[in-house]
Amino acid sequence: MLTAHDGAQLRYARWGPPARGRKGTVCLFGGRAEFIEKYFETVSDLRQRGFAVATMDWRGQGGSSRPLRNKHKGHVEDFAQYDADLALFMSEIVLPDCPPPYFALAHSMGGNILIRAACMRDCWFDRMVLTAPMIALGPGTPSLGLIDMLAQLAVFFGLGDLYVPGGKNEASGLEPFEGNLLTSDRRRYELNRLILEAAPGLGLGSPTIGWVRAAAASMKMINAFGFPPRVHVPMLMLAAGQDRVVSNRGIEELAMQLKAGSRITVDGARHELLQEQDRFREQVWSSFDAFVPGSG
């Protein structure tokens, strides 16, 4: 465990490169409600490409400590807390013990946090690959401005620790496969369910109003005029063609504004590209290999 500046315990894991080569380190970051074990297949894929891998559970989820008495609630006060945790993870775990150069592979909420980091003058990563990054919410959701206004109002009246309307303790990913928005691959979906059933402490329920306010503020920042020119890390964003969780239009619009950004859409895939069917994952990895030096 890594102890954050406010005492939060952050779970991390790292794997050295295979004996046949040292191509650097890929730092792997999941999305909301995810956990390290969910990405063991991805870790194996990266190590087969010759990379060392380092990963962590974001605060408030997986095996990291939870801030509220109800451990099922997905909560954070501000995405700046994630920023600080990322900086600590890099300075204490990755830079001292993992071989350079450093690349980032991040999903959904993790992609949002990495975009924030890409504005830093001394960002650690040479390149970033983001799968379905959370730049804006998916179709059918209210406007970001309305969500932000309502969430801010609720937090002002002391309701930030409450679930969003309709929120529940049941862990994300335990729902039946039929109708899920995450992946069309039954085998991988059921495997992740088995992990949660065997280790229920890794699961996380719905987000709180406070988390939604923090997420909305972060998305507004990324979409603000003047933000994209500050991003200087070369970035490949992979959109899932059938995504109903995050906005593909948001991904497209940001990619067009970046100095060194590109976007590829994996047609037919759902939100969790790295948990999808092999035919979709193969497109992800071929794009990764073409973008990251030394891969493939």
Protein backbone atom coordinates (compact mmCIF):
# COMPACT_ATOMS: atom_id res chain seq x y z
CA MET A 1 0.00 0.00 0.00
CA LEU A 2 1.02 3.57 -0.71
CA THR A 3 -0.02 6.19 1.84
CA ALA A 4 -1.38 9.39 0.34
CA HIS A 5 -0.78 12.81 1.88
CA ASP A 6 -4.17 12.73 3.62
CA GLY A 7 -3.67 9.20 4.95
CA ALA A 8 -5.63 7.36 2.25
CA GLN A 9 -4.22 3.92 1.44
CA LEU A 10 -3.63 3.32 -2.27
CA ARG A 11 -3.20 -0.21 -3.55
CA TYR A 12 -0.74 -0.70 -6.38
CA ALA A 13 0.97 -3.49 -8.30
CA ARG A 14 3.91 -3.68 -10.68
CA TRP A 15 5.44 -6.27 -12.97
CA GLY A 16 8.94 -6.22 -14.38
CA PRO A 17 9.58 -6.54 -18.10
CA PRO A 18 10.01 -10.01 -19.57
CA ALA A 19 13.56 -11.26 -19.87
CA ARG A 20 13.67 -10.75 -23.64
CA GLY A 21 13.51 -6.99 -23.61
CA ARG A 22 13.22 -3.70 -21.76
CA LYS A 23 11.04 -1.34 -23.77
CA GLY A 24 10.00 0.87 -20.89
CA THR A 25 6.99 0.89 -18.58
CA VAL A 26 3.29 1.19 -19.32
CA CYS A 27 1.34 2.71 -16.44
CA LEU A 28 -2.18 1.29 -16.51
CA PHE A 29 -5.15 3.18 -15.05
CA GLY A 30 -8.72 1.91 -14.88
CA GLY A 31 -12.04 3.68 -14.79
CA ARG A 32 -14.60 4.30 -12.07
CA ALA A 33 -15.43 1.23 -9.95
CA GLU A 34 -12.66 -0.86 -11.51
CA PHE A 35 -9.87 -2.79 -9.78
CA ILE A 36 -6.43 -4.15 -10.58
CA GLU A 37 -7.54 -7.77 -11.05
CA LYS A 38 -9.85 -6.78 -13.89
CA TYR A 39 -6.80 -5.89 -15.98
CA PHE A 40 -4.66 -8.99 -15.50
CA GLU A 41 -5.23 -9.97 -19.14
CA THR A 42 -4.17 -6.50 -20.26
CA VAL A 43 -1.08 -6.70 -18.05
CA SER A 44 -0.18 -9.99 -19.76
CA ASP A 45 -0.70 -8.42 -23.19
CA LEU A 46 1.62 -5.55 -22.31
CA ARG A 47 4.35 -7.76 -20.86
CA GLN A 48 4.24 -9.94 -23.97
CA ARG A 49 5.10 -6.76 -25.87
CA GLY A 50 8.21 -6.29 -23.73
CA PHE A 51 6.96 -3.67 -21.26
CA ALA A 52 7.09 -3.46 -17.51
CA VAL A 53 3.68 -2.57 -16.07
CA ALA A 54 2.64 -0.51 -13.06
CA THR A 55 -0.95 0.07 -11.97
CA MET A 56 -2.98 1.28 -9.03
CA ASP A 57 -6.52 1.36 -7.67
CA TRP A 58 -7.82 4.92 -7.53
CA ARG A 59 -8.74 6.12 -4.06
CA GLY A 60 -12.22 5.06 -3.01
CA GLN A 61 -12.37 1.90 -5.11
CA GLY A 62 -10.83 -1.53 -5.59
CA GLY A 63 -8.43 -2.35 -2.78
CA SER A 64 -7.70 1.30 -1.92
CA SER A 65 -9.30 2.88 1.13
CA ARG A 66 -12.84 4.26 0.98
CA PRO A 67 -13.61 7.74 2.33
CA LEU A 68 -17.18 7.19 3.58
CA ARG A 69 -18.68 4.97 6.27
CA ASN A 70 -20.74 3.21 3.60
CA LYS A 71 -17.90 1.55 1.69
CA HIS A 72 -20.15 0.84 -1.30
CA LYS A 73 -20.46 4.51 -2.24
CA GLY A 74 -18.21 5.80 -5.00
CA HIS A 75 -17.06 9.16 -3.68
CA VAL A 76 -14.37 11.78 -4.13
CA GLU A 77 -14.40 15.43 -3.13
CA ASP A 78 -12.44 16.73 -6.11
CA PHE A 79 -10.54 15.20 -9.02
CA ALA A 80 -7.51 17.11 -7.72
CA GLN A 81 -7.28 14.28 -5.17
CA TYR A 82 -6.78 11.85 -8.04
CA ASP A 83 -4.15 14.20 -9.49
CA ALA A 84 -2.22 14.13 -6.22
CA ASP A 85 -2.49 10.34 -5.97
CA LEU A 86 -1.19 9.95 -9.52
CA ALA A 87 1.78 12.21 -8.77
CA LEU A 88 2.56 10.25 -5.60
CA PHE A 89 2.30 6.91 -7.40
CA MET A 90 4.69 8.09 -10.09
CA SER A 91 7.23 9.64 -7.71
CA GLU A 92 7.23 6.87 -5.10
CA ILE A 93 6.55 3.70 -7.10
CA VAL A 94 7.20 4.14 -10.81
CA LEU A 95 10.15 6.49 -11.22
CA PRO A 96 12.42 4.82 -8.63
CA ASP A 97 11.84 1.20 -9.67
CA CYS A 98 10.38 0.94 -13.19
CA PRO A 99 12.44 1.31 -16.38
CA PRO A 100 11.91 4.33 -18.66
CA PRO A 101 10.52 5.53 -20.99
CA TYR A 102 7.02 5.77 -19.52
CA PHE A 103 3.75 5.42 -21.38
CA ALA A 104 0.18 5.62 -20.08
CA LEU A 105 -2.78 3.39 -20.93
CA ALA A 106 -5.94 4.62 -19.26
CA HIS A 107 -9.67 3.91 -19.49
CA SER A 108 -12.73 6.14 -19.04
CA MET A 109 -12.34 8.07 -15.75
CA GLY A 110 -8.67 7.17 -15.80
CA GLY A 111 -8.45 8.84 -19.20
CA ASN A 112 -9.97 12.01 -17.78
CA ILE A 113 -7.34 12.11 -15.04
CA LEU A 114 -4.51 11.46 -17.51
CA ILE A 115 -5.68 14.28 -19.80
CA ARG A 116 -5.40 16.58 -16.78
CA ALA A 117 -1.84 15.32 -16.20
CA ALA A 118 -0.93 15.91 -19.86
CA CYS A 119 -1.02 19.66 -19.20
CA MET A 120 1.84 19.46 -16.71
CA ARG A 121 5.11 20.98 -17.86
CA ASP A 122 7.05 17.98 -16.56
CA CYS A 123 4.53 15.24 -17.31
CA TRP A 124 6.06 11.80 -16.84
CA PHE A 125 4.68 10.16 -19.98
CA ASP A 126 6.11 10.18 -23.49
CA ARG A 127 2.78 9.08 -24.97
CA MET A 128 -0.74 8.27 -23.80
CA VAL A 129 -3.31 5.81 -25.12
CA LEU A 130 -6.80 6.46 -23.75
CA THR A 131 -9.70 4.03 -24.26
CA ALA A 132 -13.16 5.62 -24.16
CA PRO A 133 -11.94 8.59 -22.10
CA MET A 134 -14.54 10.38 -19.98
CA ILE A 135 -14.55 13.76 -21.70
CA ALA A 136 -18.34 14.10 -21.73
CA LEU A 137 -21.18 11.78 -20.77
CA GLY A 138 -22.93 9.48 -23.20
CA PRO A 139 -26.17 9.88 -25.14
CA GLY A 140 -29.38 10.35 -23.19
CA THR A 141 -27.81 12.19 -20.25
CA PRO A 142 -28.63 15.81 -19.36
CA SER A 143 -26.24 18.52 -20.45
CA LEU A 144 -22.98 18.81 -18.56
CA GLY A 145 -23.89 22.33 -17.49
CA LEU A 146 -27.19 21.19 -15.97
CA ILE A 147 -25.58 18.23 -14.20
CA ASP A 148 -22.89 20.49 -12.77
CA MET A 149 -25.39 23.10 -11.58
CA LEU A 150 -27.69 20.58 -9.87
CA ALA A 151 -24.81 18.69 -8.28
CA GLN A 152 -23.23 21.90 -6.98
CA LEU A 153 -26.55 22.94 -5.48
CA ALA A 154 -27.00 19.56 -3.77
CA VAL A 155 -23.46 19.65 -2.38
CA PHE A 156 -24.05 23.19 -1.10
CA PHE A 157 -26.99 21.88 0.92
CA GLY A 158 -24.92 19.08 2.41
CA LEU A 159 -26.11 16.24 0.18
CA GLY A 160 -22.77 15.40 -1.43
CA ASP A 161 -22.36 12.10 0.42
CA LEU A 162 -25.73 10.77 -0.77
CA TYR A 163 -26.12 8.43 -3.71
CA VAL A 164 -27.25 9.89 -6.99
CA PRO A 165 -31.01 9.32 -7.49
CA GLY A 166 -31.55 5.60 -7.99
CA GLY A 167 -28.09 4.77 -6.65
CA LYS A 168 -27.51 1.47 -4.86
CA ASN A 169 -24.96 -0.54 -2.93
CA GLU A 170 -24.80 -3.36 -5.49
CA ALA A 171 -21.40 -3.38 -7.14
CA SER A 172 -21.11 -2.24 -10.73
CA GLY A 173 -20.51 -5.30 -12.88
CA LEU A 174 -22.77 -7.68 -10.96
CA GLU A 175 -25.78 -6.98 -13.16
CA PRO A 176 -26.86 -9.69 -15.64
CA PHE A 177 -24.85 -9.80 -18.84
CA GLU A 178 -27.94 -9.20 -20.95
CA GLY A 179 -28.46 -5.49 -21.45
CA ASN A 180 -25.13 -4.41 -19.96
CA LEU A 181 -23.53 -1.30 -21.48
CA LEU A 182 -19.92 -2.34 -20.92
CA THR A 183 -19.00 -5.25 -23.21
CA SER A 184 -20.45 -7.69 -25.71
CA ASP A 185 -18.02 -10.39 -24.55
CA ARG A 186 -19.91 -12.73 -22.21
CA ARG A 187 -16.84 -14.69 -21.11
CA ARG A 188 -14.89 -11.65 -19.95
CA TYR A 189 -17.96 -10.11 -18.33
CA GLU A 190 -18.69 -13.28 -16.37
CA LEU A 191 -15.03 -13.60 -15.34
CA ASN A 192 -15.14 -10.12 -13.83
CA ARG A 193 -18.38 -11.05 -12.05
CA LEU A 194 -16.65 -14.09 -10.56
CA ILE A 195 -13.85 -11.88 -9.25
CA LEU A 196 -16.37 -9.60 -7.54
CA GLU A 197 -18.27 -12.54 -6.07
CA ALA A 198 -15.04 -14.05 -4.73
CA ALA A 199 -13.74 -10.72 -3.39
CA PRO A 200 -16.78 -8.48 -2.77
CA GLY A 201 -14.61 -5.88 -1.07
CA LEU A 202 -13.27 -4.89 -4.48
CA GLY A 203 -16.70 -3.88 -5.74
CA LEU A 204 -18.15 -0.39 -5.76
CA GLY A 205 -21.75 0.73 -6.00
CA SER A 206 -23.22 3.84 -7.55
CA PRO A 207 -21.50 7.23 -7.36
CA THR A 208 -22.44 9.90 -4.86
CA ILE A 209 -23.70 13.34 -5.77
CA GLY A 210 -20.30 14.63 -4.64
CA TRP A 211 -18.50 12.37 -7.10
CA VAL A 212 -20.79 13.57 -9.90
CA ARG A 213 -20.07 17.19 -9.01
CA ALA A 214 -16.31 16.50 -9.05
CA ALA A 215 -16.55 14.61 -12.36
CA ALA A 216 -18.66 17.33 -13.96
CA ALA A 217 -16.18 19.99 -12.87
CA SER A 218 -13.31 17.99 -14.36
CA MET A 219 -15.13 17.45 -17.66
CA LYS A 220 -15.98 21.15 -17.84
CA MET A 221 -12.32 22.00 -17.30
CA ILE A 222 -11.19 19.68 -20.10
CA ASN A 223 -13.79 21.10 -22.47
CA ALA A 224 -13.08 24.74 -21.59
CA PHE A 225 -11.72 27.11 -24.21
CA GLY A 226 -7.96 27.30 -23.87
CA PHE A 227 -7.47 23.88 -22.27
CA PRO A 228 -6.62 21.72 -25.33
CA PRO A 229 -3.62 23.85 -26.43
CA ARG A 230 -2.06 23.21 -23.02
CA VAL A 231 -1.97 19.44 -23.65
CA HIS A 232 1.50 18.67 -24.98
CA VAL A 233 1.79 14.88 -24.60
CA PRO A 234 1.09 12.93 -27.82
CA MET A 235 -2.22 11.19 -27.27
CA LEU A 236 -4.21 8.48 -29.03
CA MET A 237 -7.87 8.27 -28.05
CA LEU A 238 -9.82 5.12 -28.90
CA ALA A 239 -13.59 5.48 -29.04
CA ALA A 240 -16.03 2.56 -28.83
CA GLY A 241 -18.54 2.77 -31.66
CA GLN A 242 -21.47 1.57 -29.52
CA ASP A 243 -20.51 3.48 -26.37
CA ARG A 244 -23.48 4.55 -24.23
CA VAL A 245 -21.42 5.58 -21.19
CA VAL A 246 -19.23 8.39 -22.52
CA SER A 247 -19.64 10.70 -25.50
CA ASN A 248 -17.86 9.82 -28.73
CA ARG A 249 -18.58 13.30 -30.00
CA GLY A 250 -16.71 14.70 -27.00
CA ILE A 251 -13.72 12.49 -27.82
CA GLU A 252 -13.78 13.57 -31.46
CA GLU A 253 -14.01 17.27 -30.67
CA LEU A 254 -11.15 17.19 -28.17
CA ALA A 255 -8.92 15.14 -30.48
CA MET A 256 -9.36 17.72 -33.24
CA GLN A 257 -8.18 20.51 -30.92
CA LEU A 258 -5.05 18.80 -29.60
CA LYS A 259 -1.63 19.67 -31.00
CA ALA A 260 -0.61 16.00 -31.01
CA GLY A 261 -3.87 14.11 -30.68
CA SER A 262 -5.58 11.50 -32.80
CA ARG A 263 -8.76 9.43 -32.56
CA ILE A 264 -9.72 5.99 -33.81
CA THR A 265 -13.21 4.53 -33.50
CA VAL A 266 -13.62 0.79 -32.96
CA ASP A 267 -16.94 0.23 -34.71
CA GLY A 268 -19.39 -2.05 -32.95
CA ALA A 269 -17.58 -2.14 -29.61
CA ARG A 270 -19.08 -1.14 -26.27
CA HIS A 271 -17.52 1.07 -23.60
CA GLU A 272 -14.90 -1.27 -22.10
CA LEU A 273 -12.67 -1.82 -25.11
CA LEU A 274 -10.09 -3.88 -23.23
CA GLN A 275 -12.84 -6.20 -21.94
CA GLU A 276 -14.43 -6.63 -25.37
CA GLN A 277 -14.45 -9.49 -27.86
CA ASP A 278 -11.13 -10.45 -29.42
CA ARG A 279 -12.05 -8.89 -32.78
CA PHE A 280 -12.39 -5.51 -31.07
CA ARG A 281 -9.40 -5.93 -28.78
CA GLU A 282 -7.22 -6.76 -31.77
CA GLN A 283 -8.03 -3.34 -33.23
CA VAL A 284 -7.12 -1.71 -29.93
CA TRP A 285 -3.78 -3.48 -29.78
CA SER A 286 -2.89 -2.85 -33.42
CA SER A 287 -3.53 0.86 -32.80
CA PHE A 288 -1.48 0.74 -29.60
CA ASP A 289 1.41 -0.99 -31.38
CA ALA A 290 1.45 1.58 -34.17
CA PHE A 291 1.44 4.50 -31.73
CA VAL A 292 3.76 3.42 -28.89
CA PRO A 293 7.45 3.17 -29.83
CA GLY A 294 8.89 -0.31 -29.42
CA SER A 295 5.51 -2.05 -29.19
CA GLY A 296 4.37 -4.85 -31.43
